[in-house]
Amino acid sequence: MADRTGIVAGALLPGMPHLLAKEPAPSWKALATAARDVGERLRRLEPDVVLLLSTQWFTVLGHQFQCDPNPRGEHVDENWYAYDYGELRYDLRFDVEFSERWADRVQADGKQARRTRYEGFPIDTGTIVTSALLDPERKLRWAQVSCNLYADADTLADVGRAGAAAARDAGVRAAVVVVSGLSSGLIQQWIEPAQDHIGAPAHEQWNTRVLDLLTAGKVDEALAIREDYARQAQADSQFRALAFAAGTGAASGPAQLHAYGPIWGTGAAVLSWNLPERP
């Protein structure tokens, strides 16, 4: 694997700030522990760049690429600001040269690609939470594209495919991280963390169905039921993040399920593809 260029591994993780709570629910703790384990294994691969899509950085005009080499500051989550996980510091490293190459590829495919670079840009919660769990020492270099609200799944797959092509063209080894939840039925009241549970039995059934397909390596079947999943279980961003991961080629073969559980009623899972085992 060390000699390969292009996409060498992938992961899907939730991006809600509860994973950084000082006194987490059991499921939050399990998901955070799993994410840290995935991060350790991802760093062992020493990828040159990590392609990142977070459903919480959403745009409406084309596909935006983060071109600030070092966004840093403090983010206050708009939903959870009153809790101990509502204020998040971040200090990120982005590979601007690769991001430009990726954006050029997307433009060459006839899609709008915009470069984003200005001080104080509002980095989204999902990106901050995931980078904190996967890369606490800030060793990874990221290349991030926004999640266009009006792009269909096939378009996001094409954007992912362009990122993989850019990695091959550049002769670099790249990993892929998508930040997305599963079912998104939030519990609409205050609960104690230990009371957390998936919001509806039907959502639990759909989450399990999709996870079973992914761990069996049946990505195409999971994509085929994606729209039904979105309707029946309020899947986060219509679960288009899976289409992006599949487009890059990262979601190939059976996924490893590291953890699954609720985050304030929503479904969340930590999955990986083709990561090395722990030593």
C-alpha atoms as a PDB file:
ATOM      1  CA  MET A   1       0.000   0.000   0.000  1.00  0.00           C
ATOM      2  CA  ALA A   2       2.895   2.352   0.666  1.00  0.00           C
ATOM      3  CA  ASP A   3       3.718   2.508  -3.068  1.00  0.00           C
ATOM      4  CA  ARG A   4       0.189   3.255  -4.252  1.00  0.00           C
ATOM      5  CA  THR A   5      -0.909   6.678  -5.417  1.00  0.00           C
ATOM      6  CA  GLY A   6      -4.463   7.891  -5.520  1.00  0.00           C
ATOM      7  CA  ILE A   7      -7.063   6.903  -2.921  1.00  0.00           C
ATOM      8  CA  VAL A   8      -5.807   4.354  -0.391  1.00  0.00           C
ATOM      9  CA  ALA A   9      -8.422   4.411   2.417  1.00  0.00           C
ATOM     10  CA  GLY A  10     -11.618   6.025   3.593  1.00  0.00           C
ATOM     11  CA  ALA A  11     -13.757   6.693   6.646  1.00  0.00           C
ATOM     12  CA  LEU A  12     -17.236   7.958   7.529  1.00  0.00           C
ATOM     13  CA  LEU A  13     -17.763   9.663  10.869  1.00  0.00           C
ATOM     14  CA  PRO A  14     -20.428  11.725  12.641  1.00  0.00           C
ATOM     15  CA  GLY A  15     -19.670  15.385  13.255  1.00  0.00           C
ATOM     16  CA  MET A  16     -21.878  16.412  16.156  1.00  0.00           C
ATOM     17  CA  PRO A  17     -20.068  18.160  19.019  1.00  0.00           C
ATOM     18  CA  HIS A  18     -21.459  15.790  21.666  1.00  0.00           C
ATOM     19  CA  LEU A  19     -18.501  13.531  20.903  1.00  0.00           C
ATOM     20  CA  LEU A  20     -16.296  16.082  22.664  1.00  0.00           C
ATOM     21  CA  ALA A  21     -18.474  16.370  25.782  1.00  0.00           C
ATOM     22  CA  LYS A  22     -16.737  16.226  29.156  1.00  0.00           C
ATOM     23  CA  GLU A  23     -19.445  13.925  30.521  1.00  0.00           C
ATOM     24  CA  PRO A  24     -20.657  12.007  27.463  1.00  0.00           C
ATOM     25  CA  ALA A  25     -23.463   9.512  27.086  1.00  0.00           C
ATOM     26  CA  PRO A  26     -22.198   5.935  26.653  1.00  0.00           C
ATOM     27  CA  SER A  27     -22.880   6.039  22.919  1.00  0.00           C
ATOM     28  CA  TRP A  28     -21.108   9.389  22.506  1.00  0.00           C
ATOM     29  CA  LYS A  29     -18.055   8.019  24.312  1.00  0.00           C
ATOM     30  CA  ALA A  30     -18.025   4.841  22.200  1.00  0.00           C
ATOM     31  CA  LEU A  31     -18.287   6.818  18.955  1.00  0.00           C
ATOM     32  CA  ALA A  32     -15.529   9.224  20.030  1.00  0.00           C
ATOM     33  CA  THR A  33     -13.252   6.355  21.050  1.00  0.00           C
ATOM     34  CA  ALA A  34     -13.866   4.677  17.691  1.00  0.00           C
ATOM     35  CA  ALA A  35     -13.115   7.916  15.835  1.00  0.00           C
ATOM     36  CA  ARG A  36      -9.831   8.321  17.705  1.00  0.00           C
ATOM     37  CA  ASP A  37      -8.914   4.728  16.836  1.00  0.00           C
ATOM     38  CA  VAL A  38      -9.671   5.391  13.155  1.00  0.00           C
ATOM     39  CA  GLY A  39      -7.535   8.524  13.377  1.00  0.00           C
ATOM     40  CA  GLU A  40      -4.596   6.580  14.788  1.00  0.00           C
ATOM     41  CA  ARG A  41      -4.836   4.037  11.998  1.00  0.00           C
ATOM     42  CA  LEU A  42      -5.289   6.751   9.370  1.00  0.00           C
ATOM     43  CA  ARG A  43      -2.177   8.580  10.552  1.00  0.00           C
ATOM     44  CA  ARG A  44      -0.196   5.329  10.347  1.00  0.00           C
ATOM     45  CA  LEU A  45      -0.875   5.369   6.606  1.00  0.00           C
ATOM     46  CA  GLU A  46       0.818   8.788   6.377  1.00  0.00           C
ATOM     47  CA  PRO A  47      -1.342  10.034   3.491  1.00  0.00           C
ATOM     48  CA  ASP A  48      -0.089  13.078   1.644  1.00  0.00           C
ATOM     49  CA  VAL A  49      -3.553  14.618   1.755  1.00  0.00           C
ATOM     50  CA  VAL A  50      -7.011  13.781   3.109  1.00  0.00           C
ATOM     51  CA  LEU A  51     -10.023  14.634   0.945  1.00  0.00           C
ATOM     52  CA  LEU A  52     -12.806  15.901   3.207  1.00  0.00           C
ATOM     53  CA  LEU A  53     -16.531  16.409   2.746  1.00  0.00           C
ATOM     54  CA  SER A  54     -18.680  17.516   5.692  1.00  0.00           C
ATOM     55  CA  THR A  55     -22.431  17.757   5.229  1.00  0.00           C
ATOM     56  CA  GLN A  56     -22.344  20.656   7.707  1.00  0.00           C
ATOM     57  CA  TRP A  57     -20.375  22.862   5.316  1.00  0.00           C
ATOM     58  CA  PHE A  58     -23.158  23.362   2.841  1.00  0.00           C
ATOM     59  CA  THR A  59     -23.349  25.802  -0.051  1.00  0.00           C
ATOM     60  CA  VAL A  60     -25.940  26.708  -2.651  1.00  0.00           C
ATOM     61  CA  LEU A  61     -23.782  28.165  -5.449  1.00  0.00           C
ATOM     62  CA  GLY A  62     -21.491  25.543  -6.877  1.00  0.00           C
ATOM     63  CA  HIS A  63     -18.788  23.634  -5.048  1.00  0.00           C
ATOM     64  CA  GLN A  64     -16.479  25.611  -2.789  1.00  0.00           C
ATOM     65  CA  PHE A  65     -12.917  24.584  -1.902  1.00  0.00           C
ATOM     66  CA  GLN A  66     -11.147  25.721   1.238  1.00  0.00           C
ATOM     67  CA  CYS A  67      -7.981  27.519   0.164  1.00  0.00           C
ATOM     68  CA  ASP A  68      -6.833  29.032   3.453  1.00  0.00           C
ATOM     69  CA  PRO A  69      -3.721  27.070   4.466  1.00  0.00           C
ATOM     70  CA  ASN A  70      -4.316  27.541   8.204  1.00  0.00           C
ATOM     71  CA  PRO A  71      -7.800  28.509   9.420  1.00  0.00           C
ATOM     72  CA  ARG A  72      -7.770  28.868  13.190  1.00  0.00           C
ATOM     73  CA  GLY A  73      -9.908  30.361  15.886  1.00  0.00           C
ATOM     74  CA  GLU A  74     -12.898  29.548  18.067  1.00  0.00           C
ATOM     75  CA  HIS A  75     -16.283  28.374  16.845  1.00  0.00           C
ATOM     76  CA  VAL A  76     -19.498  28.565  18.843  1.00  0.00           C
ATOM     77  CA  ASP A  77     -21.967  25.933  17.680  1.00  0.00           C
ATOM     78  CA  GLU A  78     -25.292  27.506  16.755  1.00  0.00           C
ATOM     79  CA  ASN A  79     -27.342  24.692  18.310  1.00  0.00           C
ATOM     80  CA  TRP A  80     -25.332  23.524  21.317  1.00  0.00           C
ATOM     81  CA  TYR A  81     -23.687  26.750  22.504  1.00  0.00           C
ATOM     82  CA  ALA A  82     -25.069  26.390  26.045  1.00  0.00           C
ATOM     83  CA  TYR A  83     -23.299  23.097  26.728  1.00  0.00           C
ATOM     84  CA  ASP A  84     -19.713  22.147  27.515  1.00  0.00           C
ATOM     85  CA  TYR A  85     -19.269  20.951  23.921  1.00  0.00           C
ATOM     86  CA  GLY A  86     -20.610  24.126  22.341  1.00  0.00           C
ATOM     87  CA  GLU A  87     -17.383  26.126  22.130  1.00  0.00           C
ATOM     88  CA  LEU A  88     -14.738  24.599  19.892  1.00  0.00           C
ATOM     89  CA  ARG A  89     -11.222  25.780  19.125  1.00  0.00           C
ATOM     90  CA  TYR A  90      -9.630  24.795  15.831  1.00  0.00           C
ATOM     91  CA  ASP A  91      -6.267  25.064  14.077  1.00  0.00           C
ATOM     92  CA  LEU A  92      -6.308  23.291  10.709  1.00  0.00           C
ATOM     93  CA  ARG A  93      -3.818  22.591   7.924  1.00  0.00           C
ATOM     94  CA  PHE A  94      -5.049  22.626   4.321  1.00  0.00           C
ATOM     95  CA  ASP A  95      -3.137  21.608   1.204  1.00  0.00           C
ATOM     96  CA  VAL A  96      -3.929  24.587  -0.996  1.00  0.00           C
ATOM     97  CA  GLU A  97      -1.937  23.358  -3.992  1.00  0.00           C
ATOM     98  CA  PHE A  98      -3.877  20.113  -4.105  1.00  0.00           C
ATOM     99  CA  SER A  99      -7.197  21.898  -3.462  1.00  0.00           C
ATOM    100  CA  GLU A 100      -6.544  24.112  -6.474  1.00  0.00           C
ATOM    101  CA  ARG A 101      -5.750  21.042  -8.569  1.00  0.00           C
ATOM    102  CA  TRP A 102      -8.999  19.393  -7.408  1.00  0.00           C
ATOM    103  CA  ALA A 103     -11.024  22.532  -8.134  1.00  0.00           C
ATOM    104  CA  ASP A 104      -9.493  22.715 -11.613  1.00  0.00           C
ATOM    105  CA  ARG A 105     -10.616  19.137 -12.234  1.00  0.00           C
ATOM    106  CA  VAL A 106     -14.170  19.910 -11.153  1.00  0.00           C
ATOM    107  CA  GLN A 107     -14.231  22.952 -13.438  1.00  0.00           C
ATOM    108  CA  ALA A 108     -12.913  20.896 -16.323  1.00  0.00           C
ATOM    109  CA  ASP A 109     -15.916  18.603 -15.814  1.00  0.00           C
ATOM    110  CA  GLY A 110     -18.209  21.581 -16.441  1.00  0.00           C
ATOM    111  CA  LYS A 111     -19.141  22.287 -12.817  1.00  0.00           C
ATOM    112  CA  GLN A 112     -18.719  25.519 -10.897  1.00  0.00           C
ATOM    113  CA  ALA A 113     -15.804  25.433  -8.452  1.00  0.00           C
ATOM    114  CA  ARG A 114     -15.151  28.409  -6.212  1.00  0.00           C
ATOM    115  CA  ARG A 115     -12.082  29.045  -4.047  1.00  0.00           C
ATOM    116  CA  THR A 116     -12.738  30.180  -0.487  1.00  0.00           C
ATOM    117  CA  ARG A 117     -10.066  32.077   1.394  1.00  0.00           C
ATOM    118  CA  TYR A 118     -10.675  34.829   3.887  1.00  0.00           C
ATOM    119  CA  GLU A 119      -9.872  35.415   7.531  1.00  0.00           C
ATOM    120  CA  GLY A 120     -12.637  34.394   9.899  1.00  0.00           C
ATOM    121  CA  PHE A 121     -14.344  32.029   7.483  1.00  0.00           C
ATOM    122  CA  PRO A 122     -16.959  30.067   9.494  1.00  0.00           C
ATOM    123  CA  ILE A 123     -15.501  26.566   9.688  1.00  0.00           C
ATOM    124  CA  ASP A 124     -18.356  24.132  10.338  1.00  0.00           C
ATOM    125  CA  THR A 125     -18.834  22.059  13.475  1.00  0.00           C
ATOM    126  CA  GLY A 126     -18.459  18.725  11.666  1.00  0.00           C
ATOM    127  CA  THR A 127     -15.041  19.631  10.299  1.00  0.00           C
ATOM    128  CA  ILE A 128     -13.813  20.863  13.671  1.00  0.00           C
ATOM    129  CA  VAL A 129     -15.084  17.867  15.636  1.00  0.00           C
ATOM    130  CA  THR A 130     -13.779  15.311  13.144  1.00  0.00           C
ATOM    131  CA  SER A 131     -10.347  16.879  12.822  1.00  0.00           C
ATOM    132  CA  ALA A 132     -10.024  17.070  16.624  1.00  0.00           C
ATOM    133  CA  LEU A 133     -10.782  13.363  16.971  1.00  0.00           C
ATOM    134  CA  LEU A 134      -8.806  12.088  13.981  1.00  0.00           C
ATOM    135  CA  ASP A 135      -5.824  14.401  14.158  1.00  0.00           C
ATOM    136  CA  PRO A 136      -5.287  15.863  17.648  1.00  0.00           C
ATOM    137  CA  GLU A 137      -1.651  16.750  16.893  1.00  0.00           C
ATOM    138  CA  ARG A 138      -2.565  18.402  13.568  1.00  0.00           C
ATOM    139  CA  LYS A 139      -0.311  16.231  11.412  1.00  0.00           C
ATOM    140  CA  LEU A 140      -2.763  15.628   8.557  1.00  0.00           C
ATOM    141  CA  ARG A 141      -3.208  17.944   5.598  1.00  0.00           C
ATOM    142  CA  TRP A 142      -6.759  18.369   4.380  1.00  0.00           C
ATOM    143  CA  ALA A 143      -8.409  19.258   1.089  1.00  0.00           C
ATOM    144  CA  GLN A 144     -12.059  20.121   1.596  1.00  0.00           C
ATOM    145  CA  VAL A 145     -14.995  20.635  -0.721  1.00  0.00           C
ATOM    146  CA  SER A 146     -18.383  21.933   0.359  1.00  0.00           C
ATOM    147  CA  CYS A 147     -21.605  19.925   0.250  1.00  0.00           C
ATOM    148  CA  ASN A 148     -23.783  21.651  -2.340  1.00  0.00           C
ATOM    149  CA  LEU A 149     -27.398  21.534  -1.164  1.00  0.00           C
ATOM    150  CA  TYR A 150     -28.685  21.437  -4.742  1.00  0.00           C
ATOM    151  CA  ALA A 151     -26.276  18.842  -6.106  1.00  0.00           C
ATOM    152  CA  ASP A 152     -27.734  15.389  -6.614  1.00  0.00           C
ATOM    153  CA  ALA A 153     -25.904  12.270  -5.478  1.00  0.00           C
ATOM    154  CA  ASP A 154     -24.440  11.626  -8.912  1.00  0.00           C
ATOM    155  CA  THR A 155     -22.952  15.117  -9.000  1.00  0.00           C
ATOM    156  CA  LEU A 156     -21.313  14.658  -5.605  1.00  0.00           C
ATOM    157  CA  ALA A 157     -19.959  11.328  -6.823  1.00  0.00           C
ATOM    158  CA  ASP A 158     -18.449  13.157  -9.796  1.00  0.00           C
ATOM    159  CA  VAL A 159     -16.827  15.697  -7.469  1.00  0.00           C
ATOM    160  CA  GLY A 160     -15.334  12.826  -5.485  1.00  0.00           C
ATOM    161  CA  ARG A 161     -14.169  11.169  -8.694  1.00  0.00           C
ATOM    162  CA  ALA A 162     -12.439  14.395  -9.692  1.00  0.00           C
ATOM    163  CA  GLY A 163     -10.613  14.440  -6.354  1.00  0.00           C
ATOM    164  CA  ALA A 164      -9.364  10.900  -6.891  1.00  0.00           C
ATOM    165  CA  ALA A 165      -8.197  11.806 -10.402  1.00  0.00           C
ATOM    166  CA  ALA A 166      -6.397  14.859  -9.031  1.00  0.00           C
ATOM    167  CA  ALA A 167      -4.582  12.640  -6.518  1.00  0.00           C
ATOM    168  CA  ARG A 168      -3.476  10.243  -9.233  1.00  0.00           C
ATOM    169  CA  ASP A 169      -2.352  13.097 -11.464  1.00  0.00           C
ATOM    170  CA  ALA A 170      -0.329  14.599  -8.630  1.00  0.00           C
ATOM    171  CA  GLY A 171       1.180  11.237  -7.725  1.00  0.00           C
ATOM    172  CA  VAL A 172       0.076  11.505  -4.097  1.00  0.00           C
ATOM    173  CA  ARG A 173      -1.417   9.039  -1.663  1.00  0.00           C
ATOM    174  CA  ALA A 174      -4.771  10.285  -0.445  1.00  0.00           C
ATOM    175  CA  ALA A 175      -7.359   9.192   2.077  1.00  0.00           C
ATOM    176  CA  VAL A 176     -11.014  10.221   2.141  1.00  0.00           C
ATOM    177  CA  VAL A 177     -13.078  11.307   5.144  1.00  0.00           C
ATOM    178  CA  VAL A 178     -16.793  12.031   4.935  1.00  0.00           C
ATOM    179  CA  VAL A 179     -18.574  13.605   7.886  1.00  0.00           C
ATOM    180  CA  SER A 180     -22.214  12.610   7.981  1.00  0.00           C
ATOM    181  CA  GLY A 181     -24.841  11.261  10.315  1.00  0.00           C
ATOM    182  CA  LEU A 182     -27.308   8.494   9.556  1.00  0.00           C
ATOM    183  CA  SER A 183     -30.941   9.088  10.567  1.00  0.00           C
ATOM    184  CA  SER A 184     -31.444  12.663  11.711  1.00  0.00           C
ATOM    185  CA  GLY A 185     -34.528  12.588  13.935  1.00  0.00           C
ATOM    186  CA  LEU A 186     -33.387  14.801  16.800  1.00  0.00           C
ATOM    187  CA  ILE A 187     -35.062  14.417  20.193  1.00  0.00           C
ATOM    188  CA  GLN A 188     -36.913  17.715  20.561  1.00  0.00           C
ATOM    189  CA  GLN A 189     -36.437  18.223  24.286  1.00  0.00           C
ATOM    190  CA  TRP A 190     -33.774  18.278  26.961  1.00  0.00           C
ATOM    191  CA  ILE A 191     -32.544  14.848  28.009  1.00  0.00           C
ATOM    192  CA  GLU A 192     -29.820  13.634  30.272  1.00  0.00           C
ATOM    193  CA  PRO A 193     -27.025  12.087  28.187  1.00  0.00           C
ATOM    194  CA  ALA A 194     -27.713   8.612  29.589  1.00  0.00           C
ATOM    195  CA  GLN A 195     -31.280   8.839  28.241  1.00  0.00           C
ATOM    196  CA  ASP A 196     -30.166   9.145  24.638  1.00  0.00           C
ATOM    197  CA  HIS A 197     -31.709   6.740  22.130  1.00  0.00           C
ATOM    198  CA  ILE A 198     -32.479   6.532  18.405  1.00  0.00           C
ATOM    199  CA  GLY A 199     -35.499   8.765  17.903  1.00  0.00           C
ATOM    200  CA  ALA A 200     -37.810   6.261  16.175  1.00  0.00           C
ATOM    201  CA  PRO A 201     -37.860   2.457  15.802  1.00  0.00           C
ATOM    202  CA  ALA A 202     -38.185   2.794  12.019  1.00  0.00           C
ATOM    203  CA  HIS A 203     -35.031   4.909  11.951  1.00  0.00           C
ATOM    204  CA  GLU A 204     -33.184   2.206  13.864  1.00  0.00           C
ATOM    205  CA  GLN A 205     -34.322  -0.393  11.346  1.00  0.00           C
ATOM    206  CA  TRP A 206     -33.201   1.693   8.384  1.00  0.00           C
ATOM    207  CA  ASN A 207     -29.830   2.497   9.942  1.00  0.00           C
ATOM    208  CA  THR A 208     -29.232  -1.188  10.582  1.00  0.00           C
ATOM    209  CA  ARG A 209     -30.241  -2.105   7.037  1.00  0.00           C
ATOM    210  CA  VAL A 210     -27.816   0.376   5.506  1.00  0.00           C
ATOM    211  CA  LEU A 211     -24.959  -0.548   7.838  1.00  0.00           C
ATOM    212  CA  ASP A 212     -25.474  -4.248   7.092  1.00  0.00           C
ATOM    213  CA  LEU A 213     -25.129  -3.520   3.372  1.00  0.00           C
ATOM    214  CA  LEU A 214     -21.971  -1.470   3.846  1.00  0.00           C
ATOM    215  CA  THR A 215     -20.257  -3.996   6.084  1.00  0.00           C
ATOM    216  CA  ALA A 216     -21.102  -6.662   3.501  1.00  0.00           C
ATOM    217  CA  GLY A 217     -19.421  -4.579   0.800  1.00  0.00           C
ATOM    218  CA  LYS A 218     -22.701  -3.912  -1.018  1.00  0.00           C
ATOM    219  CA  VAL A 219     -22.173  -0.209  -1.610  1.00  0.00           C
ATOM    220  CA  ASP A 220     -24.179  -0.192  -4.837  1.00  0.00           C
ATOM    221  CA  GLU A 221     -27.175  -1.695  -3.031  1.00  0.00           C
ATOM    222  CA  ALA A 222     -26.880   0.908  -0.278  1.00  0.00           C
ATOM    223  CA  LEU A 223     -26.817   3.659  -2.896  1.00  0.00           C
ATOM    224  CA  ALA A 224     -29.841   2.108  -4.632  1.00  0.00           C
ATOM    225  CA  ILE A 225     -31.974   2.484  -1.482  1.00  0.00           C
ATOM    226  CA  ARG A 226     -30.480   5.857  -0.504  1.00  0.00           C
ATOM    227  CA  GLU A 227     -33.514   7.901  -1.543  1.00  0.00           C
ATOM    228  CA  ASP A 228     -35.901   5.620   0.360  1.00  0.00           C
ATOM    229  CA  TYR A 229     -33.582   5.848   3.360  1.00  0.00           C
ATOM    230  CA  ALA A 230     -33.679   9.632   3.143  1.00  0.00           C
ATOM    231  CA  ARG A 231     -37.480   9.679   3.081  1.00  0.00           C
ATOM    232  CA  GLN A 232     -38.100   7.044   5.728  1.00  0.00           C
ATOM    233  CA  ALA A 233     -35.384   7.936   8.226  1.00  0.00           C
ATOM    234  CA  GLN A 234     -34.564  11.584   7.484  1.00  0.00           C
ATOM    235  CA  ALA A 235     -31.064  10.498   6.471  1.00  0.00           C
ATOM    236  CA  ASP A 236     -28.560  13.293   6.951  1.00  0.00           C
ATOM    237  CA  SER A 237     -28.244  15.263   3.691  1.00  0.00           C
ATOM    238  CA  GLN A 238     -30.014  12.357   1.925  1.00  0.00           C
ATOM    239  CA  PHE A 239     -26.893  10.304   2.733  1.00  0.00           C
ATOM    240  CA  ARG A 240     -25.232  11.815  -0.341  1.00  0.00           C
ATOM    241  CA  ALA A 241     -21.916  11.608   1.498  1.00  0.00           C
ATOM    242  CA  LEU A 242     -21.879   7.899   0.651  1.00  0.00           C
ATOM    243  CA  ALA A 243     -22.163   8.749  -3.045  1.00  0.00           C
ATOM    244  CA  PHE A 244     -19.188  11.105  -2.697  1.00  0.00           C
ATOM    245  CA  ALA A 245     -17.124   8.424  -0.929  1.00  0.00           C
ATOM    246  CA  ALA A 246     -18.064   5.868  -3.572  1.00  0.00           C
ATOM    247  CA  GLY A 247     -17.119   8.314  -6.324  1.00  0.00           C
ATOM    248  CA  THR A 248     -13.619   8.691  -4.905  1.00  0.00           C
ATOM    249  CA  GLY A 249     -13.245   4.918  -4.803  1.00  0.00           C
ATOM    250  CA  ALA A 250     -12.665   4.970  -1.040  1.00  0.00           C
ATOM    251  CA  ALA A 251     -15.873   3.061  -0.202  1.00  0.00           C
ATOM    252  CA  SER A 252     -14.781  -0.135  -1.892  1.00  0.00           C
ATOM    253  CA  GLY A 253     -15.162  -3.573  -0.376  1.00  0.00           C
ATOM    254  CA  PRO A 254     -16.643  -4.339   3.040  1.00  0.00           C
ATOM    255  CA  ALA A 255     -16.639  -1.482   5.519  1.00  0.00           C
ATOM    256  CA  GLN A 256     -15.504  -2.016   9.074  1.00  0.00           C
ATOM    257  CA  LEU A 257     -18.084  -0.805  11.585  1.00  0.00           C
ATOM    258  CA  HIS A 258     -16.261   0.556  14.617  1.00  0.00           C
ATOM    259  CA  ALA A 259     -19.230   1.987  16.527  1.00  0.00           C
ATOM    260  CA  TYR A 260     -22.909   2.794  16.121  1.00  0.00           C
ATOM    261  CA  GLY A 261     -25.301   4.599  18.426  1.00  0.00           C
ATOM    262  CA  PRO A 262     -27.479   7.621  19.066  1.00  0.00           C
ATOM    263  CA  ILE A 263     -26.480  11.258  19.327  1.00  0.00           C
ATOM    264  CA  TRP A 264     -29.482  13.127  20.758  1.00  0.00           C
ATOM    265  CA  GLY A 265     -31.867  10.858  18.876  1.00  0.00           C
ATOM    266  CA  THR A 266     -29.995  10.822  15.582  1.00  0.00           C
ATOM    267  CA  GLY A 267     -28.154   7.780  14.273  1.00  0.00           C
ATOM    268  CA  ALA A 268     -24.368   7.889  14.095  1.00  0.00           C
ATOM    269  CA  ALA A 269     -21.695   5.445  13.016  1.00  0.00           C
ATOM    270  CA  VAL A 270     -17.946   5.266  12.581  1.00  0.00           C
ATOM    271  CA  LEU A 271     -17.004   3.249   9.484  1.00  0.00           C
ATOM    272  CA  SER A 272     -13.738   2.725   7.650  1.00  0.00           C
ATOM    273  CA  TRP A 273     -12.476   1.146   4.462  1.00  0.00           C
ATOM    274  CA  ASN A 274      -9.005  -0.302   3.919  1.00  0.00           C
ATOM    275  CA  LEU A 275      -7.318   1.066   7.022  1.00  0.00           C
ATOM    276  CA  PRO A 276      -4.424  -0.904   8.537  1.00  0.00           C
ATOM    277  CA  GLU A 277      -5.121  -2.970  11.620  1.00  0.00           C
ATOM    278  CA  ARG A 278      -3.840  -1.755  14.957  1.00  0.00           C
ATOM    279  CA  PRO A 279      -0.353  -3.089  15.727  1.00  0.00           C
END
